[in-house]
Structures are given as C-alpha cells and as structure tokens.
Amino acid sequence: MAPKIDPAILAALSLDAATTSIVSHGGSGFASTFKITSTVEGKEKLFFVKQGNGKASEIMFTGEHASLNAIHNAVPSLCPKSYANGKLSTGNGSFLATDFLDLSHSSTSPSAASHGGSNMTLAQKLAKLHSAPAPVPDGYARAMFGFPVPTCCGETEQDNGFRERWAEFYGECRLRGVARKAEGKQGVDGEVQRLVEGVVGEVVPRLLGEGWLRDGRTGGVIVPVVVHGDLWSGNHGRGSIGGGPAEEVVFDASAAWAHSEFEFGIMGMFGGFGGSFNKEYWKYKPKDEPVEEWEDRVQLYELYHHLNHYAMFGGGYRGGAVRIMQRLIKKYGSNS
C-alpha cells in the first residue's frame, strides 16, 4: 500500500494533492524517508521528506532545517535547500522537506559549469563555506559562536547557546555537554569525567584561547563561520540537487557557527577525504596559527565525536576518547 502524504506537508509546500505523489526512498537510522513528486507552475518538482515521531524528531528536524539553509545560503550548490519542517497533522510526528538530492546522478560530463552548476570541488566549496563570516544573531552586536536552534549530531541533542569566545563554547557546549549525555546514557564514569574536566580546564584554553589561536590569513582572532558539523564520508556524495547538474554535495548537516577547523575532527576520525583534498583546501583556506599545533587541535575536535559515539553506542569509543585526553593533558596540562 502506497504511503499517504500528510496534509501538513502539502500545506507547508503549497502542493496540490491531485498532482502530488509520494514513495519511500532511501533510509535513515532515525526517520522514514520519502520522495515526493508534484507539479509546480506546470513543471515537475521533486522533494525529499523525512518523517519521525516524538519530541526528539521535532528537535532534530528543526536543527537540520536551519543547518541545511545556513550552508545553502553561503554556498548554494553544496547542499539541498530545506523548505519546511514542522508537526504532522496526524499523530505526534514531525517532518522535514528539502530539495530532492539524486545521488545516482553522478555523471561528470557534460560539465556542471556548462549547465549552470558551479563545477567546484568539495575542497573549494568547503573552503568558501569556512571563509564566510557567520551572521550577527538577532539581539547581538557581533557574530557569536553557537547557533540559533539546537541541533543533533546523530541522536545527541547539542546545546548551541551563544558564546563570545570559541574556547568557552567548545569547552562548555560541546565537551562538557556531550560528557553529560554520555553519563546519562552509559552511567557515571569517574575517569572519563576527570579527564574531560582536565581537558576543558587546561587543554582547551591553551590550544583554543583567544589570545593564542589566530586566523591563518589575517593573524587576527578567530571569527565564527558555518560548519557542517558531522562531515564524514557517509554525509558526502556527488549528485544532482533538484534536477540540476551533478555536484559535490553534503547532507545530514548538524551546523554551528564555529571555528572552521572543527570540521576536521569528524573527517579525521573516519579517515578524512585524502591528502589531495587537504592540500587543495589549504590553498584556499590556510591552516590557522600556530600551524604546528594544527594536528593537536584536530585531535581535540575529534575528541568530541569519540565522546558522542561513546554516548550513543558505548563500547570501544570510550577507549579512543580516553587515549586522546590522556595524550593532550600530558602535553598541554599544567604538569606537562
């Protein structure tokens, strides 16, 4: 039996039920996923829709909607545009509706540039994203680290409360925040708790402090930029957005206004995108200063994702987190 389109989705997208159909498409660990085909102004229009149940899905979809559009607004060809999210008219479910991303449309010719595409590499697109200063949030006089709404990395809800300083945001909203989530899911772990406090208290100010960490191009303080937030190989592909040409694209975003190098934490954890990617990226967006501490900063950012995977899955991810923390504290702690 074919799925039915919830009236709330039709209303949010201003679609006519008589010319709109829906089929299951793909899969997700946290949601049901669909392709919607409709007629808009006499032309076929495709949408991708996620549906989930409960408050957690509502928070997740609200965050993903804002994340995709933050990226899309900065680099339109990098990810699908999100059109709507909200509550379904039946049950306690929620939805997210975006441009349809066809990852099977991966042909490299004819060129994207000749058909309206950007023809930019992933490295170029990310460097452009990471070079565009974040907007100033409503009610503030300057750009802030954080994000207007909570987001989810996997199933973990993230605190994106605004902070003026990156070290404060990363220590409190990311490391301490995910440590509390891990404690709630996996139980109290004295060693992990002690190490996290050591990293937040000593390593984070030492590596990320405003008087130390500097922009690699200007030499000035780090300014917040949009990051994807969960950019591993499974959230990247080559495909067609909304029937357009094949492009390098990303999806399932968990964005924040953050330090650009935070992106490399999850990328490094799962093998990255290769040395040629890094070299090209750094040509457009150089490593920040001190350059010699880049690998340690990335390890510090990778730590968040080890702790998050430990929170979600337990097991072996604890060991990876502990090893990173022990090494960084030994090198940068007060007794080093």
C-alpha atoms as a PDB file:
ATOM      1  CA  MET A   1       0.000   0.000   0.000  1.00  0.00           C
ATOM      2  CA  ALA A   2       1.456   3.365  -1.057  1.00  0.00           C
ATOM      3  CA  PRO A   3       2.146   5.882   1.732  1.00  0.00           C
ATOM      4  CA  LYS A   4      -0.153   8.866   2.060  1.00  0.00           C
ATOM      5  CA  ILE A   5       1.034  12.463   2.074  1.00  0.00           C
ATOM      6  CA  ASP A   6       0.230  14.169   5.346  1.00  0.00           C
ATOM      7  CA  PRO A   7      -1.862  17.324   4.801  1.00  0.00           C
ATOM      8  CA  ALA A   8       0.639  19.358   6.847  1.00  0.00           C
ATOM      9  CA  ILE A   9       3.345  18.616   4.269  1.00  0.00           C
ATOM     10  CA  LEU A  10       1.077  19.550   1.372  1.00  0.00           C
ATOM     11  CA  ALA A  11       0.198  22.810   3.104  1.00  0.00           C
ATOM     12  CA  ALA A  12       3.809  23.671   4.005  1.00  0.00           C
ATOM     13  CA  LEU A  13       4.939  23.152   0.400  1.00  0.00           C
ATOM     14  CA  SER A  14       1.765  24.638  -1.172  1.00  0.00           C
ATOM     15  CA  LEU A  15       1.189  21.465  -3.191  1.00  0.00           C
ATOM     16  CA  ASP A  16      -1.998  20.160  -4.775  1.00  0.00           C
ATOM     17  CA  ALA A  17      -2.796  16.646  -3.610  1.00  0.00           C
ATOM     18  CA  ALA A  18      -4.286  15.830  -7.033  1.00  0.00           C
ATOM     19  CA  THR A  19      -0.936  16.281  -8.789  1.00  0.00           C
ATOM     20  CA  THR A  20       1.334  15.008  -5.996  1.00  0.00           C
ATOM     21  CA  SER A  21       2.575  11.504  -5.214  1.00  0.00           C
ATOM     22  CA  ILE A  22       4.875  10.029  -2.573  1.00  0.00           C
ATOM     23  CA  VAL A  23       7.041   6.888  -2.462  1.00  0.00           C
ATOM     24  CA  SER A  24       9.508   5.518   0.056  1.00  0.00           C
ATOM     25  CA  HIS A  25      13.079   6.441  -0.788  1.00  0.00           C
ATOM     26  CA  GLY A  26      16.372   5.523   0.839  1.00  0.00           C
ATOM     27  CA  GLY A  27      16.682   5.008   4.545  1.00  0.00           C
ATOM     28  CA  SER A  28      17.719   6.638   7.794  1.00  0.00           C
ATOM     29  CA  GLY A  29      18.515   5.341  11.255  1.00  0.00           C
ATOM     30  CA  PHE A  30      16.279   7.931  12.878  1.00  0.00           C
ATOM     31  CA  ALA A  31      13.468   8.576  10.368  1.00  0.00           C
ATOM     32  CA  SER A  32      11.313   7.314   7.500  1.00  0.00           C
ATOM     33  CA  THR A  33      12.337   8.856   4.176  1.00  0.00           C
ATOM     34  CA  PHE A  34      10.328   9.598   1.027  1.00  0.00           C
ATOM     35  CA  LYS A  35      10.429  11.174  -2.427  1.00  0.00           C
ATOM     36  CA  ILE A  36       7.576  13.491  -3.350  1.00  0.00           C
ATOM     37  CA  THR A  37       6.797  14.234  -6.987  1.00  0.00           C
ATOM     38  CA  SER A  38       4.498  17.146  -7.745  1.00  0.00           C
ATOM     39  CA  THR A  39       3.641  19.722 -10.399  1.00  0.00           C
ATOM     40  CA  VAL A  40       4.617  23.288  -9.548  1.00  0.00           C
ATOM     41  CA  GLU A  41       3.824  26.059 -12.048  1.00  0.00           C
ATOM     42  CA  GLY A  42       3.421  23.471 -14.799  1.00  0.00           C
ATOM     43  CA  LYS A  43       6.773  21.759 -14.131  1.00  0.00           C
ATOM     44  CA  GLU A  44       7.683  18.575 -12.292  1.00  0.00           C
ATOM     45  CA  LYS A  45       9.217  19.284  -8.877  1.00  0.00           C
ATOM     46  CA  LEU A  46      10.842  16.710  -6.597  1.00  0.00           C
ATOM     47  CA  PHE A  47      11.162  16.924  -2.817  1.00  0.00           C
ATOM     48  CA  PHE A  48      12.840  14.749  -0.197  1.00  0.00           C
ATOM     49  CA  VAL A  49      10.938  14.258   3.059  1.00  0.00           C
ATOM     50  CA  LYS A  50      11.900  12.806   6.426  1.00  0.00           C
ATOM     51  CA  GLN A  51       9.280  11.823   8.991  1.00  0.00           C
ATOM     52  CA  GLY A  52       9.813  10.814  12.606  1.00  0.00           C
ATOM     53  CA  ASN A  53       7.950  10.501  15.877  1.00  0.00           C
ATOM     54  CA  GLY A  54       8.183  12.277  19.187  1.00  0.00           C
ATOM     55  CA  LYS A  55       9.858  15.389  20.537  1.00  0.00           C
ATOM     56  CA  ALA A  56      13.337  14.158  19.575  1.00  0.00           C
ATOM     57  CA  SER A  57      12.425  14.122  15.870  1.00  0.00           C
ATOM     58  CA  GLU A  58      10.932  17.599  16.110  1.00  0.00           C
ATOM     59  CA  ILE A  59      14.191  18.955  17.588  1.00  0.00           C
ATOM     60  CA  MET A  60      16.289  17.009  15.072  1.00  0.00           C
ATOM     61  CA  PHE A  61      14.349  18.252  12.034  1.00  0.00           C
ATOM     62  CA  THR A  62      14.233  21.856  13.260  1.00  0.00           C
ATOM     63  CA  GLY A  63      18.009  21.756  13.639  1.00  0.00           C
ATOM     64  CA  GLU A  64      18.590  20.092  10.277  1.00  0.00           C
ATOM     65  CA  HIS A  65      16.302  22.583   8.527  1.00  0.00           C
ATOM     66  CA  ALA A  66      18.301  25.518   9.917  1.00  0.00           C
ATOM     67  CA  SER A  67      21.607  23.731   9.269  1.00  0.00           C
ATOM     68  CA  LEU A  68      20.948  22.993   5.599  1.00  0.00           C
ATOM     69  CA  ASN A  69      19.807  26.531   4.941  1.00  0.00           C
ATOM     70  CA  ALA A  70      22.790  28.068   6.724  1.00  0.00           C
ATOM     71  CA  ILE A  71      25.077  26.068   4.420  1.00  0.00           C
ATOM     72  CA  HIS A  72      22.899  26.606   1.333  1.00  0.00           C
ATOM     73  CA  ASN A  73      22.782  30.366   1.898  1.00  0.00           C
ATOM     74  CA  ALA A  74      26.593  30.521   1.980  1.00  0.00           C
ATOM     75  CA  VAL A  75      27.330  28.025  -0.827  1.00  0.00           C
ATOM     76  CA  PRO A  76      24.066  27.178  -2.647  1.00  0.00           C
ATOM     77  CA  SER A  77      25.472  24.254  -4.653  1.00  0.00           C
ATOM     78  CA  LEU A  78      26.893  22.483  -1.585  1.00  0.00           C
ATOM     79  CA  CYS A  79      23.658  21.098  -0.120  1.00  0.00           C
ATOM     80  CA  PRO A  80      19.924  20.869  -0.730  1.00  0.00           C
ATOM     81  CA  LYS A  81      17.704  23.760   0.293  1.00  0.00           C
ATOM     82  CA  SER A  82      15.238  22.987   3.066  1.00  0.00           C
ATOM     83  CA  TYR A  83      11.716  24.295   2.500  1.00  0.00           C
ATOM     84  CA  ALA A  84       9.821  23.410   5.632  1.00  0.00           C
ATOM     85  CA  ASN A  85       9.728  21.488   8.865  1.00  0.00           C
ATOM     86  CA  GLY A  86       7.007  21.088  11.430  1.00  0.00           C
ATOM     87  CA  LYS A  87       4.451  18.801  13.004  1.00  0.00           C
ATOM     88  CA  LEU A  88       2.400  16.317  11.032  1.00  0.00           C
ATOM     89  CA  SER A  89      -1.349  16.812  11.188  1.00  0.00           C
ATOM     90  CA  THR A  90      -1.841  13.240  12.414  1.00  0.00           C
ATOM     91  CA  GLY A  91      -0.206  11.599  15.434  1.00  0.00           C
ATOM     92  CA  ASN A  92       2.806  13.034  17.242  1.00  0.00           C
ATOM     93  CA  GLY A  93       5.141  13.005  14.248  1.00  0.00           C
ATOM     94  CA  SER A  94       7.255  15.696  12.603  1.00  0.00           C
ATOM     95  CA  PHE A  95       8.643  16.223   9.117  1.00  0.00           C
ATOM     96  CA  LEU A  96      11.416  17.898   7.162  1.00  0.00           C
ATOM     97  CA  ALA A  97      11.059  18.734   3.442  1.00  0.00           C
ATOM     98  CA  THR A  98      14.036  19.627   1.238  1.00  0.00           C
ATOM     99  CA  ASP A  99      15.082  19.682  -2.389  1.00  0.00           C
ATOM    100  CA  PHE A 100      15.451  16.156  -3.721  1.00  0.00           C
ATOM    101  CA  LEU A 101      19.059  15.048  -3.899  1.00  0.00           C
ATOM    102  CA  ASP A 102      19.676  12.350  -6.524  1.00  0.00           C
ATOM    103  CA  LEU A 103      22.944  10.673  -5.586  1.00  0.00           C
ATOM    104  CA  SER A 104      22.605   8.258  -8.514  1.00  0.00           C
ATOM    105  CA  HIS A 105      23.042  11.234 -10.875  1.00  0.00           C
ATOM    106  CA  SER A 106      26.831  11.324 -10.578  1.00  0.00           C
ATOM    107  CA  SER A 107      27.957  11.683 -14.181  1.00  0.00           C
ATOM    108  CA  THR A 108      30.854  14.091 -14.597  1.00  0.00           C
ATOM    109  CA  SER A 109      30.009  15.062 -18.166  1.00  0.00           C
ATOM    110  CA  PRO A 110      28.777  17.270 -19.624  1.00  0.00           C
ATOM    111  CA  SER A 111      30.428  19.688 -17.230  1.00  0.00           C
ATOM    112  CA  ALA A 112      28.418  21.201 -14.430  1.00  0.00           C
ATOM    113  CA  ALA A 113      29.649  24.664 -15.343  1.00  0.00           C
ATOM    114  CA  SER A 114      28.111  24.498 -18.817  1.00  0.00           C
ATOM    115  CA  HIS A 115      24.746  23.543 -17.327  1.00  0.00           C
ATOM    116  CA  GLY A 116      24.502  26.106 -14.580  1.00  0.00           C
ATOM    117  CA  GLY A 117      26.455  24.235 -11.927  1.00  0.00           C
ATOM    118  CA  SER A 118      29.430  25.553 -10.031  1.00  0.00           C
ATOM    119  CA  ASN A 119      31.884  22.846 -11.143  1.00  0.00           C
ATOM    120  CA  MET A 120      33.714  23.433  -7.841  1.00  0.00           C
ATOM    121  CA  THR A 121      35.463  20.672  -5.962  1.00  0.00           C
ATOM    122  CA  LEU A 122      34.438  19.714  -2.440  1.00  0.00           C
ATOM    123  CA  ALA A 123      37.620  21.322  -1.111  1.00  0.00           C
ATOM    124  CA  GLN A 124      36.794  24.607  -2.857  1.00  0.00           C
ATOM    125  CA  LYS A 125      33.213  24.577  -1.601  1.00  0.00           C
ATOM    126  CA  LEU A 126      34.201  23.859   1.987  1.00  0.00           C
ATOM    127  CA  ALA A 127      36.940  26.486   1.910  1.00  0.00           C
ATOM    128  CA  LYS A 128      34.357  29.008   0.649  1.00  0.00           C
ATOM    129  CA  LEU A 129      31.901  27.972   3.382  1.00  0.00           C
ATOM    130  CA  HIS A 130      34.589  28.259   6.048  1.00  0.00           C
ATOM    131  CA  SER A 131      35.714  31.683   4.795  1.00  0.00           C
ATOM    132  CA  ALA A 132      32.306  33.376   5.037  1.00  0.00           C
ATOM    133  CA  PRO A 133      31.771  35.049   8.444  1.00  0.00           C
ATOM    134  CA  ALA A 134      28.641  33.934  10.277  1.00  0.00           C
ATOM    135  CA  PRO A 135      25.774  36.424  10.506  1.00  0.00           C
ATOM    136  CA  VAL A 136      25.218  38.501  13.622  1.00  0.00           C
ATOM    137  CA  PRO A 137      22.335  36.917  15.557  1.00  0.00           C
ATOM    138  CA  ASP A 138      19.266  38.970  16.472  1.00  0.00           C
ATOM    139  CA  GLY A 139      19.822  40.964  19.634  1.00  0.00           C
ATOM    140  CA  TYR A 140      23.628  40.852  19.470  1.00  0.00           C
ATOM    141  CA  ALA A 141      26.165  43.417  18.323  1.00  0.00           C
ATOM    142  CA  ARG A 142      28.689  40.925  16.925  1.00  0.00           C
ATOM    143  CA  ALA A 143      28.868  37.435  15.468  1.00  0.00           C
ATOM    144  CA  MET A 144      28.742  34.717  18.105  1.00  0.00           C
ATOM    145  CA  PHE A 145      29.792  31.095  18.428  1.00  0.00           C
ATOM    146  CA  GLY A 146      26.734  28.840  18.635  1.00  0.00           C
ATOM    147  CA  PHE A 147      23.597  28.554  16.505  1.00  0.00           C
ATOM    148  CA  PRO A 148      20.021  29.912  16.661  1.00  0.00           C
ATOM    149  CA  VAL A 149      18.490  26.498  17.432  1.00  0.00           C
ATOM    150  CA  PRO A 150      19.641  23.215  18.981  1.00  0.00           C
ATOM    151  CA  THR A 151      20.971  20.635  16.511  1.00  0.00           C
ATOM    152  CA  CYS A 152      21.555  16.899  16.715  1.00  0.00           C
ATOM    153  CA  CYS A 153      24.771  15.042  15.931  1.00  0.00           C
ATOM    154  CA  GLY A 154      23.472  11.544  15.419  1.00  0.00           C
ATOM    155  CA  GLU A 155      20.758  11.313  18.048  1.00  0.00           C
ATOM    156  CA  THR A 156      22.569  13.606  20.512  1.00  0.00           C
ATOM    157  CA  GLU A 157      20.933  16.985  21.041  1.00  0.00           C
ATOM    158  CA  GLN A 158      23.559  19.742  21.180  1.00  0.00           C
ATOM    159  CA  ASP A 159      23.460  22.925  23.226  1.00  0.00           C
ATOM    160  CA  ASN A 160      24.176  25.812  20.835  1.00  0.00           C
ATOM    161  CA  GLY A 161      23.812  28.652  23.315  1.00  0.00           C
ATOM    162  CA  PHE A 162      25.704  31.718  22.122  1.00  0.00           C
ATOM    163  CA  ARG A 163      29.200  32.424  23.468  1.00  0.00           C
ATOM    164  CA  GLU A 164      31.580  35.244  22.556  1.00  0.00           C
ATOM    165  CA  ARG A 165      34.682  33.067  22.808  1.00  0.00           C
ATOM    166  CA  TRP A 166      35.284  29.838  20.912  1.00  0.00           C
ATOM    167  CA  ALA A 167      37.177  28.155  23.775  1.00  0.00           C
ATOM    168  CA  GLU A 168      34.225  28.727  26.089  1.00  0.00           C
ATOM    169  CA  PHE A 169      31.710  27.426  23.567  1.00  0.00           C
ATOM    170  CA  TYR A 170      33.750  24.335  22.727  1.00  0.00           C
ATOM    171  CA  GLY A 171      34.556  23.504  26.338  1.00  0.00           C
ATOM    172  CA  GLU A 172      31.093  24.028  27.762  1.00  0.00           C
ATOM    173  CA  CYS A 173      28.605  23.413  24.948  1.00  0.00           C
ATOM    174  CA  ARG A 174      30.478  20.595  23.227  1.00  0.00           C
ATOM    175  CA  LEU A 175      32.838  18.712  25.567  1.00  0.00           C
ATOM    176  CA  ARG A 176      31.048  19.140  28.910  1.00  0.00           C
ATOM    177  CA  GLY A 177      27.711  18.901  27.118  1.00  0.00           C
ATOM    178  CA  VAL A 178      28.444  15.563  25.467  1.00  0.00           C
ATOM    179  CA  ALA A 179      30.085  14.241  28.649  1.00  0.00           C
ATOM    180  CA  ARG A 180      26.783  14.838  30.453  1.00  0.00           C
ATOM    181  CA  LYS A 181      24.952  12.998  27.661  1.00  0.00           C
ATOM    182  CA  ALA A 182      27.399  10.072  27.953  1.00  0.00           C
ATOM    183  CA  GLU A 183      26.901   9.927  31.715  1.00  0.00           C
ATOM    184  CA  GLY A 184      23.141   9.847  31.234  1.00  0.00           C
ATOM    185  CA  LYS A 185      23.336   7.034  28.657  1.00  0.00           C
ATOM    186  CA  GLN A 186      26.308   4.941  29.845  1.00  0.00           C
ATOM    187  CA  GLY A 187      26.399   5.715  33.563  1.00  0.00           C
ATOM    188  CA  VAL A 188      28.851   7.612  35.752  1.00  0.00           C
ATOM    189  CA  ASP A 189      32.482   7.059  34.765  1.00  0.00           C
ATOM    190  CA  GLY A 190      34.894   8.762  37.128  1.00  0.00           C
ATOM    191  CA  GLU A 191      37.894   8.508  34.840  1.00  0.00           C
ATOM    192  CA  VAL A 192      36.112   9.991  31.825  1.00  0.00           C
ATOM    193  CA  GLN A 193      34.646  12.752  33.994  1.00  0.00           C
ATOM    194  CA  ARG A 194      38.057  13.623  35.455  1.00  0.00           C
ATOM    195  CA  LEU A 195      39.759  13.637  32.044  1.00  0.00           C
ATOM    196  CA  VAL A 196      37.072  15.794  30.427  1.00  0.00           C
ATOM    197  CA  GLU A 197      37.425  18.355  33.217  1.00  0.00           C
ATOM    198  CA  GLY A 198      41.200  18.291  32.757  1.00  0.00           C
ATOM    199  CA  VAL A 199      40.868  18.908  29.014  1.00  0.00           C
ATOM    200  CA  VAL A 200      38.276  21.675  29.427  1.00  0.00           C
ATOM    201  CA  GLY A 201      40.175  23.336  32.252  1.00  0.00           C
ATOM    202  CA  GLU A 202      43.691  23.209  30.783  1.00  0.00           C
ATOM    203  CA  VAL A 203      43.938  21.985  27.188  1.00  0.00           C
ATOM    204  CA  VAL A 204      41.058  23.951  25.665  1.00  0.00           C
ATOM    205  CA  PRO A 205      42.245  27.377  26.936  1.00  0.00           C
ATOM    206  CA  ARG A 206      45.826  26.530  25.933  1.00  0.00           C
ATOM    207  CA  LEU A 207      45.029  25.454  22.349  1.00  0.00           C
ATOM    208  CA  LEU A 208      41.901  27.499  21.595  1.00  0.00           C
ATOM    209  CA  GLY A 209      42.262  30.598  23.768  1.00  0.00           C
ATOM    210  CA  GLU A 210      41.515  33.933  22.121  1.00  0.00           C
ATOM    211  CA  GLY A 211      44.988  35.282  22.812  1.00  0.00           C
ATOM    212  CA  TRP A 212      46.665  32.250  21.246  1.00  0.00           C
ATOM    213  CA  LEU A 213      44.651  30.797  18.359  1.00  0.00           C
ATOM    214  CA  ARG A 214      44.777  33.132  15.352  1.00  0.00           C
ATOM    215  CA  ASP A 215      43.381  33.249  11.826  1.00  0.00           C
ATOM    216  CA  GLY A 216      45.897  31.835   9.347  1.00  0.00           C
ATOM    217  CA  ARG A 217      45.312  34.581   6.779  1.00  0.00           C
ATOM    218  CA  THR A 218      44.764  37.724   8.817  1.00  0.00           C
ATOM    219  CA  GLY A 219      46.588  36.936  12.053  1.00  0.00           C
ATOM    220  CA  GLY A 220      43.528  38.211  13.894  1.00  0.00           C
ATOM    221  CA  VAL A 221      41.148  36.482  16.270  1.00  0.00           C
ATOM    222  CA  ILE A 222      39.124  33.522  15.051  1.00  0.00           C
ATOM    223  CA  VAL A 223      35.682  34.507  13.773  1.00  0.00           C
ATOM    224  CA  PRO A 224      32.710  32.128  13.680  1.00  0.00           C
ATOM    225  CA  VAL A 225      31.828  30.544  10.326  1.00  0.00           C
ATOM    226  CA  VAL A 226      29.244  27.959   9.318  1.00  0.00           C
ATOM    227  CA  VAL A 227      30.449  24.361   9.686  1.00  0.00           C
ATOM    228  CA  HIS A 228      28.556  21.239   8.610  1.00  0.00           C
ATOM    229  CA  GLY A 229      29.294  19.669  11.980  1.00  0.00           C
ATOM    230  CA  ASP A 230      29.032  15.976  11.050  1.00  0.00           C
ATOM    231  CA  LEU A 231      31.017  15.771   7.833  1.00  0.00           C
ATOM    232  CA  TRP A 232      32.239  12.221   7.387  1.00  0.00           C
ATOM    233  CA  SER A 233      32.299  10.331   4.084  1.00  0.00           C
ATOM    234  CA  GLY A 234      28.768   8.981   4.614  1.00  0.00           C
ATOM    235  CA  ASN A 235      27.353  12.517   4.565  1.00  0.00           C
ATOM    236  CA  HIS A 236      29.074  13.490   1.315  1.00  0.00           C
ATOM    237  CA  GLY A 237      28.470  12.437  -2.275  1.00  0.00           C
ATOM    238  CA  ARG A 238      28.173  13.581  -5.847  1.00  0.00           C
ATOM    239  CA  GLY A 239      24.689  14.111  -7.131  1.00  0.00           C
ATOM    240  CA  SER A 240      22.002  16.306  -8.599  1.00  0.00           C
ATOM    241  CA  ILE A 241      20.065  18.787  -6.460  1.00  0.00           C
ATOM    242  CA  GLY A 242      16.536  19.374  -7.707  1.00  0.00           C
ATOM    243  CA  GLY A 243      17.259  18.002 -11.176  1.00  0.00           C
ATOM    244  CA  GLY A 244      20.319  20.191 -11.724  1.00  0.00           C
ATOM    245  CA  PRO A 245      23.810  19.092 -12.819  1.00  0.00           C
ATOM    246  CA  ALA A 246      25.986  16.719 -10.829  1.00  0.00           C
ATOM    247  CA  GLU A 247      27.778  18.494  -7.988  1.00  0.00           C
ATOM    248  CA  GLU A 248      29.888  17.717  -4.933  1.00  0.00           C
ATOM    249  CA  VAL A 249      27.257  17.784  -2.188  1.00  0.00           C
ATOM    250  CA  VAL A 250      26.834  17.238   1.548  1.00  0.00           C
ATOM    251  CA  PHE A 251      23.746  16.422   3.601  1.00  0.00           C
ATOM    252  CA  ASP A 252      22.529  15.407   7.094  1.00  0.00           C
ATOM    253  CA  ALA A 253      24.046  18.586   8.488  1.00  0.00           C
ATOM    254  CA  SER A 254      24.475  19.460  12.165  1.00  0.00           C
ATOM    255  CA  ALA A 255      25.638  23.026  11.688  1.00  0.00           C
ATOM    256  CA  ALA A 256      27.031  25.608  14.063  1.00  0.00           C
ATOM    257  CA  TRP A 257      28.772  28.947  13.893  1.00  0.00           C
ATOM    258  CA  ALA A 258      32.149  27.638  14.931  1.00  0.00           C
ATOM    259  CA  HIS A 259      35.889  27.521  14.312  1.00  0.00           C
ATOM    260  CA  SER A 260      36.389  26.246  10.770  1.00  0.00           C
ATOM    261  CA  GLU A 261      38.914  23.597  11.847  1.00  0.00           C
ATOM    262  CA  PHE A 262      36.267  21.892  13.992  1.00  0.00           C
ATOM    263  CA  GLU A 263      35.089  20.313  10.718  1.00  0.00           C
ATOM    264  CA  PHE A 264      38.287  18.249  10.524  1.00  0.00           C
ATOM    265  CA  GLY A 265      37.569  16.427  13.794  1.00  0.00           C
ATOM    266  CA  ILE A 266      34.916  14.089  12.388  1.00  0.00           C
ATOM    267  CA  MET A 267      36.631  13.969   8.984  1.00  0.00           C
ATOM    268  CA  GLY A 268      39.853  12.788  10.584  1.00  0.00           C
ATOM    269  CA  MET A 269      38.099  10.269  12.809  1.00  0.00           C
ATOM    270  CA  PHE A 270      36.773   8.354   9.819  1.00  0.00           C
ATOM    271  CA  GLY A 271      39.751   8.656   7.511  1.00  0.00           C
ATOM    272  CA  GLY A 272      39.200  12.124   6.067  1.00  0.00           C
ATOM    273  CA  PHE A 273      38.939  12.862   2.352  1.00  0.00           C
ATOM    274  CA  GLY A 274      42.567  12.260   1.449  1.00  0.00           C
ATOM    275  CA  GLY A 275      45.775  14.224   1.298  1.00  0.00           C
ATOM    276  CA  SER A 276      44.954  15.851  -2.026  1.00  0.00           C
ATOM    277  CA  PHE A 277      41.700  17.202  -0.548  1.00  0.00           C
ATOM    278  CA  ASN A 278      43.574  18.735   2.391  1.00  0.00           C
ATOM    279  CA  LYS A 279      46.249  20.270   0.194  1.00  0.00           C
ATOM    280  CA  GLU A 280      43.674  21.864  -2.102  1.00  0.00           C
ATOM    281  CA  TYR A 281      41.572  23.095   0.835  1.00  0.00           C
ATOM    282  CA  TRP A 282      44.594  24.736   2.490  1.00  0.00           C
ATOM    283  CA  LYS A 283      45.401  26.516  -0.755  1.00  0.00           C
ATOM    284  CA  TYR A 284      42.136  28.438  -0.373  1.00  0.00           C
ATOM    285  CA  LYS A 285      41.823  28.354   3.438  1.00  0.00           C
ATOM    286  CA  PRO A 286      45.231  28.089   5.153  1.00  0.00           C
ATOM    287  CA  LYS A 287      45.729  26.374   8.494  1.00  0.00           C
ATOM    288  CA  ASP A 288      45.228  28.686  11.410  1.00  0.00           C
ATOM    289  CA  GLU A 289      48.060  29.723  13.718  1.00  0.00           C
ATOM    290  CA  PRO A 290      50.009  28.259  15.380  1.00  0.00           C
ATOM    291  CA  VAL A 291      50.313  25.937  12.384  1.00  0.00           C
ATOM    292  CA  GLU A 292      52.487  23.485  14.331  1.00  0.00           C
ATOM    293  CA  GLU A 293      49.554  22.811  16.695  1.00  0.00           C
ATOM    294  CA  TRP A 294      47.051  22.021  13.922  1.00  0.00           C
ATOM    295  CA  GLU A 295      47.140  18.247  14.465  1.00  0.00           C
ATOM    296  CA  ASP A 296      46.605  18.652  18.202  1.00  0.00           C
ATOM    297  CA  ARG A 297      43.653  20.983  17.611  1.00  0.00           C
ATOM    298  CA  VAL A 298      42.116  18.439  15.256  1.00  0.00           C
ATOM    299  CA  GLN A 299      42.645  15.705  17.876  1.00  0.00           C
ATOM    300  CA  LEU A 300      40.880  17.949  20.381  1.00  0.00           C
ATOM    301  CA  TYR A 301      37.977  18.329  17.945  1.00  0.00           C
ATOM    302  CA  GLU A 302      37.976  14.609  17.178  1.00  0.00           C
ATOM    303  CA  LEU A 303      37.589  14.013  20.918  1.00  0.00           C
ATOM    304  CA  TYR A 304      34.068  15.431  20.792  1.00  0.00           C
ATOM    305  CA  HIS A 305      32.996  12.818  18.267  1.00  0.00           C
ATOM    306  CA  HIS A 306      34.603   9.962  20.207  1.00  0.00           C
ATOM    307  CA  LEU A 307      32.674  11.097  23.271  1.00  0.00           C
ATOM    308  CA  ASN A 308      29.488  11.433  21.230  1.00  0.00           C
ATOM    309  CA  HIS A 309      29.859   7.940  19.785  1.00  0.00           C
ATOM    310  CA  TYR A 310      30.556   6.673  23.302  1.00  0.00           C
ATOM    311  CA  ALA A 311      27.362   8.395  24.471  1.00  0.00           C
ATOM    312  CA  MET A 312      25.328   6.799  21.682  1.00  0.00           C
ATOM    313  CA  PHE A 313      26.946   3.369  21.370  1.00  0.00           C
ATOM    314  CA  GLY A 314      29.239   2.786  24.381  1.00  0.00           C
ATOM    315  CA  GLY A 315      31.928   0.160  23.953  1.00  0.00           C
ATOM    316  CA  GLY A 316      35.180   0.854  22.171  1.00  0.00           C
ATOM    317  CA  TYR A 317      34.630   4.571  21.648  1.00  0.00           C
ATOM    318  CA  ARG A 318      35.428   5.163  25.325  1.00  0.00           C
ATOM    319  CA  GLY A 319      38.983   3.936  24.792  1.00  0.00           C
ATOM    320  CA  GLY A 320      39.588   6.301  21.890  1.00  0.00           C
ATOM    321  CA  ALA A 321      38.324   9.267  23.911  1.00  0.00           C
ATOM    322  CA  VAL A 322      40.451   8.358  26.936  1.00  0.00           C
ATOM    323  CA  ARG A 323      43.622   7.997  24.861  1.00  0.00           C
ATOM    324  CA  ILE A 324      43.150  11.405  23.222  1.00  0.00           C
ATOM    325  CA  MET A 325      42.500  13.089  26.556  1.00  0.00           C
ATOM    326  CA  GLN A 326      45.464  11.464  28.269  1.00  0.00           C
ATOM    327  CA  ARG A 327      47.805  12.489  25.458  1.00  0.00           C
ATOM    328  CA  LEU A 328      46.599  16.096  25.307  1.00  0.00           C
ATOM    329  CA  ILE A 329      46.683  16.550  29.083  1.00  0.00           C
ATOM    330  CA  LYS A 330      50.191  15.100  29.211  1.00  0.00           C
ATOM    331  CA  LYS A 331      51.355  17.522  26.513  1.00  0.00           C
ATOM    332  CA  TYR A 332      49.459  20.681  27.460  1.00  0.00           C
ATOM    333  CA  GLY A 333      48.351  20.236  31.082  1.00  0.00           C
ATOM    334  CA  SER A 334      49.832  22.229  33.970  1.00  0.00           C
ATOM    335  CA  ASN A 335      52.141  19.332  34.897  1.00  0.00           C
ATOM    336  CA  SER A 336      53.473  18.894  31.351  1.00  0.00           C
END
